Amino acid sequence: MEWINTPESSNIASFGYNAVNRVLTVEFKSGGRYEYFEVPSAVFAAMKAADSKGQFLAQSIKGRYRYASI
């Protein structure tokens, strides 16, 4: 799994992607951790490239993919 640390983000501590299972894992600075399911690799690539990871998560992932708190 590839992990990306995001010290510049006010909300997201890090995120990672499992390409085999197509699961995006997001760890928040508040301590919460969520898995988003069936996320295409292109969406992960777009999140890596986004200027604001939190804004990208809110606009392009939340509400579009199933998720679970872990």
Protein backbone atom coordinates (compact mmCIF):
# COMPACT_ATOMS: atom_id res chain seq x y z
CA MET A 1 0.00 0.00 0.00
CA GLU A 2 1.30 3.42 -0.93
CA TRP A 3 1.00 5.99 1.90
CA ILE A 4 1.05 9.74 1.43
CA ASN A 5 1.74 12.00 4.43
CA THR A 6 -0.01 15.36 4.28
CA PRO A 7 1.57 17.74 6.80
CA GLU A 8 0.19 20.69 4.80
CA SER A 9 -3.41 19.56 5.34
CA SER A 10 -5.33 20.95 8.30
CA ASN A 11 -7.62 17.90 8.40
CA ILE A 12 -5.94 14.83 6.84
CA ALA A 13 -2.82 13.30 8.43
CA SER A 14 -2.19 10.73 5.68
CA PHE A 15 -3.89 8.54 3.13
CA GLY A 16 -3.09 5.33 1.33
CA TYR A 17 -4.37 3.19 -1.48
CA ASN A 18 -4.55 -0.57 -1.95
CA ALA A 19 -4.69 -1.01 -5.72
CA VAL A 20 -5.58 -4.71 -5.55
CA ASN A 21 -8.67 -4.15 -3.39
CA ARG A 22 -9.33 -0.59 -4.63
CA VAL A 23 -9.55 0.69 -1.05
CA LEU A 24 -8.57 4.23 -0.11
CA THR A 25 -7.70 4.64 3.57
CA VAL A 26 -7.75 8.13 5.07
CA GLU A 27 -6.33 8.96 8.49
CA PHE A 28 -7.48 12.25 9.99
CA LYS A 29 -5.50 14.46 12.33
CA SER A 30 -8.34 14.04 14.84
CA GLY A 31 -7.43 10.34 15.03
CA GLY A 32 -10.27 8.90 12.95
CA ARG A 33 -9.51 6.45 10.15
CA TYR A 34 -11.85 5.53 7.29
CA GLU A 35 -11.75 3.13 4.37
CA TYR A 36 -13.49 4.06 1.11
CA PHE A 37 -14.32 1.10 -1.12
CA GLU A 38 -14.18 0.55 -4.89
CA VAL A 39 -12.20 3.75 -5.48
CA PRO A 40 -10.57 3.76 -8.95
CA SER A 41 -6.80 4.28 -9.11
CA ALA A 42 -7.40 7.46 -11.15
CA VAL A 43 -9.23 8.98 -8.19
CA PHE A 44 -6.28 8.18 -5.91
CA ALA A 45 -3.92 9.78 -8.44
CA ALA A 46 -6.13 12.86 -8.59
CA MET A 47 -6.17 13.11 -4.79
CA LYS A 48 -2.37 12.93 -4.72
CA ALA A 49 -2.22 15.77 -7.24
CA ALA A 50 -4.89 17.94 -5.59
CA ASP A 51 -3.81 21.20 -3.98
CA SER A 52 -6.23 20.60 -1.10
CA LYS A 53 -6.56 16.95 -0.07
CA GLY A 54 -9.44 17.71 2.30
CA GLN A 55 -11.39 19.61 -0.32
CA PHE A 56 -10.81 16.82 -2.85
CA LEU A 57 -12.03 14.24 -0.33
CA ALA A 58 -15.17 16.27 0.39
CA GLN A 59 -16.01 16.96 -3.26
CA SER A 60 -14.91 13.78 -5.05
CA ILE A 61 -15.00 10.91 -2.57
CA LYS A 62 -17.44 11.49 0.30
CA GLY A 63 -20.97 10.58 -0.75
CA ARG A 64 -19.75 8.72 -3.85
CA TYR A 65 -18.09 5.64 -2.36
CA ARG A 66 -19.08 3.25 0.39
CA TYR A 67 -17.02 3.70 3.52
CA ALA A 68 -16.43 2.34 7.00
CA SER A 69 -14.72 3.62 10.10
CA ILE A 70 -11.81 1.42 11.16
